[in-house]
C-alpha atoms as a PDB file:
ATOM      1  CA  MET A   1     219.724 136.576 -29.717  1.00  0.00           C
ATOM      2  CA  TRP A   2     222.380 134.568 -27.031  1.00  0.00           C
ATOM      3  CA  LEU A   3     221.139 132.778 -24.680  1.00  0.00           C
ATOM      4  CA  VAL A   4     223.389 132.112 -21.723  1.00  0.00           C
ATOM      5  CA  LEU A   5     223.761 128.362 -20.492  1.00  0.00           C
ATOM      6  CA  ILE A   6     224.598 128.418 -17.114  1.00  0.00           C
ATOM      7  CA  PRO A   7     224.824 124.700 -16.677  1.00  0.00           C
ATOM      8  CA  LEU A   8     227.425 124.871 -19.285  1.00  0.00           C
ATOM      9  CA  LEU A   9     229.748 126.260 -16.863  1.00  0.00           C
ATOM     10  CA  LEU A  10     229.633 123.150 -14.691  1.00  0.00           C
ATOM     11  CA  LEU A  11     230.641 120.896 -17.203  1.00  0.00           C
ATOM     12  CA  PRO A  12     234.137 119.837 -17.879  1.00  0.00           C
ATOM     13  CA  VAL A  13     235.619 120.635 -21.497  1.00  0.00           C
ATOM     14  CA  SER A  14     234.174 117.308 -23.540  1.00  0.00           C
ATOM     15  CA  ARG A  15     234.539 116.346 -27.165  1.00  0.00           C
ATOM     16  CA  VAL A  16     231.715 115.490 -29.466  1.00  0.00           C
ATOM     17  CA  SER A  17     232.202 114.577 -32.906  1.00  0.00           C
ATOM     18  CA  SER A  18     229.674 116.473 -34.937  1.00  0.00           C
ATOM     19  CA  GLN A  19     227.547 113.983 -37.371  1.00  0.00           C
ATOM     20  CA  ASN A  20     226.950 114.942 -41.015  1.00  0.00           C
ATOM     21  CA  ALA A  21     223.214 115.980 -41.492  1.00  0.00           C
ATOM     22  CA  SER A  22     223.483 113.268 -44.226  1.00  0.00           C
ATOM     23  CA  GLN A  23     226.192 110.742 -45.587  1.00  0.00           C
ATOM     24  CA  ASP A  24     225.309 111.701 -49.078  1.00  0.00           C
ATOM     25  CA  SER A  25     225.657 115.548 -48.518  1.00  0.00           C
ATOM     26  CA  PRO A  26     228.701 116.918 -50.465  1.00  0.00           C
ATOM     27  CA  ASP A  27     231.745 118.310 -48.382  1.00  0.00           C
ATOM     28  CA  GLU A  28     230.966 122.175 -47.606  1.00  0.00           C
ATOM     29  CA  LEU A  29     234.161 124.169 -47.835  1.00  0.00           C
ATOM     30  CA  LEU A  30     235.097 127.453 -45.429  1.00  0.00           C
ATOM     31  CA  LEU A  31     237.351 130.161 -46.975  1.00  0.00           C
ATOM     32  CA  CYS A  32     239.097 132.985 -45.536  1.00  0.00           C
ATOM     33  CA  ARG A  33     237.102 136.337 -45.768  1.00  0.00           C
ATOM     34  CA  SER A  34     239.770 137.922 -46.756  1.00  0.00           C
ATOM     35  CA  CYS A  35     241.426 136.272 -49.539  1.00  0.00           C
ATOM     36  CA  GLY A  36     239.173 133.493 -50.276  1.00  0.00           C
ATOM     37  CA  LEU A  37     241.596 130.388 -49.440  1.00  0.00           C
ATOM     38  CA  GLU A  38     240.007 127.171 -48.511  1.00  0.00           C
ATOM     39  CA  VAL A  39     240.770 126.767 -44.679  1.00  0.00           C
ATOM     40  CA  ALA A  40     238.495 124.274 -43.058  1.00  0.00           C
ATOM     41  CA  ALA A  41     236.074 121.663 -44.381  1.00  0.00           C
ATOM     42  CA  SER A  42     232.838 120.552 -42.803  1.00  0.00           C
ATOM     43  CA  ARG A  43     233.829 117.141 -42.404  1.00  0.00           C
ATOM     44  CA  ASP A  44     236.510 118.266 -39.862  1.00  0.00           C
ATOM     45  CA  LEU A  45     234.035 120.208 -37.828  1.00  0.00           C
ATOM     46  CA  ARG A  46     234.202 118.937 -34.111  1.00  0.00           C
ATOM     47  CA  PHE A  47     231.939 120.552 -31.457  1.00  0.00           C
ATOM     48  CA  VAL A  48     234.714 121.117 -28.181  1.00  0.00           C
ATOM     49  CA  ALA A  49     232.408 122.352 -25.359  1.00  0.00           C
ATOM     50  CA  SER A  50     234.287 124.662 -22.848  1.00  0.00           C
ATOM     51  CA  PRO A  51     233.212 125.943 -19.348  1.00  0.00           C
ATOM     52  CA  LEU A  52     234.501 129.319 -19.921  1.00  0.00           C
ATOM     53  CA  ALA A  53     232.157 130.258 -22.863  1.00  0.00           C
ATOM     54  CA  LEU A  54     229.912 132.900 -22.288  1.00  0.00           C
ATOM     55  CA  ALA A  55     227.271 131.868 -24.486  1.00  0.00           C
ATOM     56  CA  GLN A  56     226.729 128.908 -26.972  1.00  0.00           C
ATOM     57  CA  ARG A  57     223.813 128.633 -29.375  1.00  0.00           C
ATOM     58  CA  ASN A  58     223.036 126.451 -32.826  1.00  0.00           C
ATOM     59  CA  ASP A  59     223.779 128.652 -35.898  1.00  0.00           C
ATOM     60  CA  THR A  60     223.601 127.692 -39.642  1.00  0.00           C
ATOM     61  CA  VAL A  61     227.096 128.868 -40.743  1.00  0.00           C
ATOM     62  CA  ILE A  62     227.954 125.744 -42.769  1.00  0.00           C
ATOM     63  CA  GLY A  63     225.283 124.926 -45.524  1.00  0.00           C
ATOM     64  CA  GLU A  64     222.013 124.496 -44.053  1.00  0.00           C
ATOM     65  CA  ARG A  65     223.382 122.273 -41.112  1.00  0.00           C
ATOM     66  CA  ARG A  66     223.149 123.573 -37.855  1.00  0.00           C
ATOM     67  CA  VAL A  67     226.287 124.052 -35.866  1.00  0.00           C
ATOM     68  CA  PRO A  68     227.227 124.767 -31.961  1.00  0.00           C
ATOM     69  CA  ALA A  69     229.112 128.159 -32.097  1.00  0.00           C
ATOM     70  CA  GLN A  70     230.350 129.213 -28.651  1.00  0.00           C
ATOM     71  CA  LEU A  71     231.197 133.139 -27.655  1.00  0.00           C
ATOM     72  CA  PHE A  72     234.196 134.230 -25.650  1.00  0.00           C
ATOM     73  CA  GLN A  73     235.760 137.164 -24.495  1.00  0.00           C
ATOM     74  CA  ASN A  74     239.831 137.656 -24.430  1.00  0.00           C
ATOM     75  CA  PRO A  75     241.488 139.687 -21.476  1.00  0.00           C
ATOM     76  CA  GLN A  76     241.056 143.291 -23.777  1.00  0.00           C
ATOM     77  CA  GLY A  77     237.211 142.553 -23.685  1.00  0.00           C
ATOM     78  CA  LEU A  78     237.085 141.375 -27.358  1.00  0.00           C
ATOM     79  CA  ARG A  79     234.268 138.928 -28.110  1.00  0.00           C
ATOM     80  CA  PHE A  80     234.677 136.288 -30.714  1.00  0.00           C
ATOM     81  CA  GLN A  81     232.155 133.509 -31.805  1.00  0.00           C
ATOM     82  CA  VAL A  82     233.955 130.263 -32.963  1.00  0.00           C
ATOM     83  CA  LEU A  83     233.378 126.895 -34.583  1.00  0.00           C
ATOM     84  CA  THR A  84     235.580 124.198 -33.737  1.00  0.00           C
ATOM     85  CA  PHE A  85     237.387 121.761 -35.932  1.00  0.00           C
ATOM     86  CA  GLN A  86     239.826 118.807 -35.677  1.00  0.00           C
ATOM     87  CA  ARG A  87     241.817 120.348 -38.621  1.00  0.00           C
ATOM     88  CA  ALA A  88     242.349 123.289 -40.306  1.00  0.00           C
ATOM     89  CA  ALA A  89     244.627 124.685 -43.070  1.00  0.00           C
ATOM     90  CA  VAL A  90     246.204 127.690 -40.710  1.00  0.00           C
ATOM     91  CA  HIS A  91     249.427 128.675 -39.901  1.00  0.00           C
ATOM     92  CA  ARG A  92     250.222 128.242 -36.607  1.00  0.00           C
ATOM     93  CA  HIS A  93     252.430 131.020 -34.477  1.00  0.00           C
ATOM     94  CA  TRP A  94     254.365 128.886 -31.764  1.00  0.00           C
ATOM     95  CA  PRO A  95     254.866 128.710 -28.972  1.00  0.00           C
ATOM     96  CA  ALA A  96     251.908 127.637 -27.383  1.00  0.00           C
ATOM     97  CA  GLU A  97     250.430 129.789 -24.411  1.00  0.00           C
ATOM     98  CA  GLU A  98     248.902 128.542 -21.632  1.00  0.00           C
ATOM     99  CA  GLN A  99     247.561 131.730 -19.927  1.00  0.00           C
ATOM    100  CA  PHE A 100     244.011 133.066 -20.412  1.00  0.00           C
ATOM    101  CA  SER A 101     243.080 129.755 -22.416  1.00  0.00           C
ATOM    102  CA  TRP A 102     239.390 129.130 -23.247  1.00  0.00           C
ATOM    103  CA  PHE A 103     239.712 125.453 -22.747  1.00  0.00           C
ATOM    104  CA  PRO A 104     241.037 124.506 -19.657  1.00  0.00           C
ATOM    105  CA  GLY A 105     243.687 121.836 -20.004  1.00  0.00           C
ATOM    106  CA  HIS A 106     244.805 123.371 -23.388  1.00  0.00           C
ATOM    107  CA  SER A 107     247.151 125.861 -24.641  1.00  0.00           C
ATOM    108  CA  TRP A 108     246.794 128.064 -27.540  1.00  0.00           C
ATOM    109  CA  ALA A 109     248.581 129.460 -30.397  1.00  0.00           C
ATOM    110  CA  VAL A 110     247.368 132.032 -33.054  1.00  0.00           C
ATOM    111  CA  ALA A 111     246.413 130.806 -36.074  1.00  0.00           C
ATOM    112  CA  THR A 112     246.365 132.678 -39.384  1.00  0.00           C
ATOM    113  CA  CYS A 113     245.418 132.247 -42.884  1.00  0.00           C
ATOM    114  CA  PRO A 114     248.709 130.888 -44.924  1.00  0.00           C
ATOM    115  CA  ARG A 115     248.115 133.267 -48.198  1.00  0.00           C
ATOM    116  CA  CYS A 116     247.383 136.662 -46.315  1.00  0.00           C
ATOM    117  CA  HIS A 117     247.947 136.488 -42.700  1.00  0.00           C
ATOM    118  CA  SER A 118     244.858 137.476 -41.670  1.00  0.00           C
ATOM    119  CA  HIS A 119     244.077 136.651 -37.984  1.00  0.00           C
ATOM    120  CA  LEU A 120     241.279 133.168 -38.316  1.00  0.00           C
ATOM    121  CA  GLY A 121     241.482 131.927 -34.565  1.00  0.00           C
ATOM    122  CA  TRP A 122     243.531 129.448 -32.335  1.00  0.00           C
ATOM    123  CA  SER A 123     245.116 126.322 -32.206  1.00  0.00           C
ATOM    124  CA  PHE A 124     244.675 124.282 -28.801  1.00  0.00           C
ATOM    125  CA  GLN A 125     246.421 121.306 -27.709  1.00  0.00           C
ATOM    126  CA  PRO A 126     246.862 119.730 -24.428  1.00  0.00           C
ATOM    127  CA  ASN A 127     249.144 121.660 -21.958  1.00  0.00           C
ATOM    128  CA  VAL A 128     251.392 118.682 -21.181  1.00  0.00           C
ATOM    129  CA  TRP A 129     252.687 118.866 -24.759  1.00  0.00           C
ATOM    130  CA  PRO A 130     255.651 120.963 -25.643  1.00  0.00           C
ATOM    131  CA  ARG A 131     255.200 124.334 -26.364  1.00  0.00           C
ATOM    132  CA  ARG A 132     256.285 124.021 -29.993  1.00  0.00           C
ATOM    133  CA  VAL A 133     254.984 120.667 -32.080  1.00  0.00           C
ATOM    134  CA  THR A 134     254.886 120.036 -35.849  1.00  0.00           C
ATOM    135  CA  ASP A 135     251.868 120.531 -38.174  1.00  0.00           C
ATOM    136  CA  GLU A 136     251.850 116.916 -38.879  1.00  0.00           C
ATOM    137  CA  GLU A 137     251.993 116.137 -34.816  1.00  0.00           C
ATOM    138  CA  PHE A 138     249.254 118.671 -34.475  1.00  0.00           C
ATOM    139  CA  ASP A 139     247.119 117.616 -37.288  1.00  0.00           C
ATOM    140  CA  GLU A 140     247.170 113.766 -36.654  1.00  0.00           C
ATOM    141  CA  SER A 141     246.259 114.076 -32.594  1.00  0.00           C
ATOM    142  CA  GLU A 142     242.755 113.164 -31.501  1.00  0.00           C
ATOM    143  CA  GLU A 143     243.671 115.876 -28.655  1.00  0.00           C
ATOM    144  CA  THR A 144     243.754 119.158 -30.719  1.00  0.00           C
ATOM    145  CA  PHE A 145     241.524 121.396 -32.284  1.00  0.00           C
ATOM    146  CA  VAL A 146     241.440 124.583 -34.002  1.00  0.00           C
ATOM    147  CA  ALA A 147     238.860 127.228 -33.035  1.00  0.00           C
ATOM    148  CA  LEU A 148     237.929 129.601 -35.952  1.00  0.00           C
ATOM    149  CA  ILE A 149     235.988 133.026 -35.840  1.00  0.00           C
ATOM    150  CA  ILE A 150     232.822 132.489 -37.649  1.00  0.00           C
ATOM    151  CA  ASP A 151     233.024 136.562 -38.812  1.00  0.00           C
ATOM    152  CA  ARG A 152     236.443 135.964 -40.674  1.00  0.00           C
ATOM    153  CA  LEU A 153     235.174 132.909 -42.657  1.00  0.00           C
ATOM    154  CA  LEU A 154     232.852 132.718 -46.090  1.00  0.00           C
ATOM    155  CA  GLN A 155     231.061 129.806 -47.108  1.00  0.00           C
ATOM    156  CA  GLU A 156     232.311 128.727 -50.307  1.00  0.00           C
ATOM    157  CA  ASN A 157     228.488 128.311 -51.736  1.00  0.00           C
ATOM    158  CA  PHE A 158     227.855 132.253 -50.885  1.00  0.00           C
ATOM    159  CA  ALA A 159     231.393 133.263 -52.193  1.00  0.00           C
ATOM    160  CA  ALA A 160     229.841 131.645 -55.184  1.00  0.00           C
ATOM    161  CA  THR A 161     227.070 133.617 -55.479  1.00  0.00           C
ATOM    162  CA  LEU A 162     229.084 136.893 -55.575  1.00  0.00           C
ATOM    163  CA  LEU A 163     230.330 135.911 -58.523  1.00  0.00           C
ATOM    164  CA  SER A 164     229.027 137.210 -61.623  1.00  0.00           C
ATOM    165  CA  VAL A 165     230.052 136.684 -65.326  1.00  0.00           C
ATOM    166  CA  PRO A 166     230.430 139.792 -67.387  1.00  0.00           C
ATOM    167  CA  LYS A 167     227.858 140.185 -70.461  1.00  0.00           C
ATOM    168  CA  SER A 168     230.703 140.144 -72.837  1.00  0.00           C
ATOM    169  CA  TYR A 169     231.335 136.602 -71.705  1.00  0.00           C
ATOM    170  CA  ARG A 170     227.391 135.450 -72.210  1.00  0.00           C
ATOM    171  CA  SER A 171     226.260 133.950 -75.693  1.00  0.00           C
END
């Protein structure tokens, strides 16, 4: 299923803005799988390549769009498939940590759902920044991004199909 991309290991960290499949397509939302809070929008999707990714593939996580997902492994051996976003509605747990970063030149902080506190991913900022920054500084910068774990997210369109109307409410 995963195709290991050896040439990817030779590339420096680069940012490629994701283009919408169609400018007319509506913005799709990703929800926290635990509580349903809206945490990210497709318009904020931004691919940030990492030379430390174990693998990379295109996945149809957001609607019918194919977006690049990367596979990483932490020091404990746990693996995570992530999508990277310019911004996301998450709570960042400062201070940022330089050690074991998957994106060279960046420090990370754990990112959780503001409502249910489920671990959703990590926020990344340049190493040269202070270990603590305001949400405004983080969100307004072009140098920051958020990596969200695919398995912890749910597409809004899919979630809507899970709801059913009770018979007593139907005419």
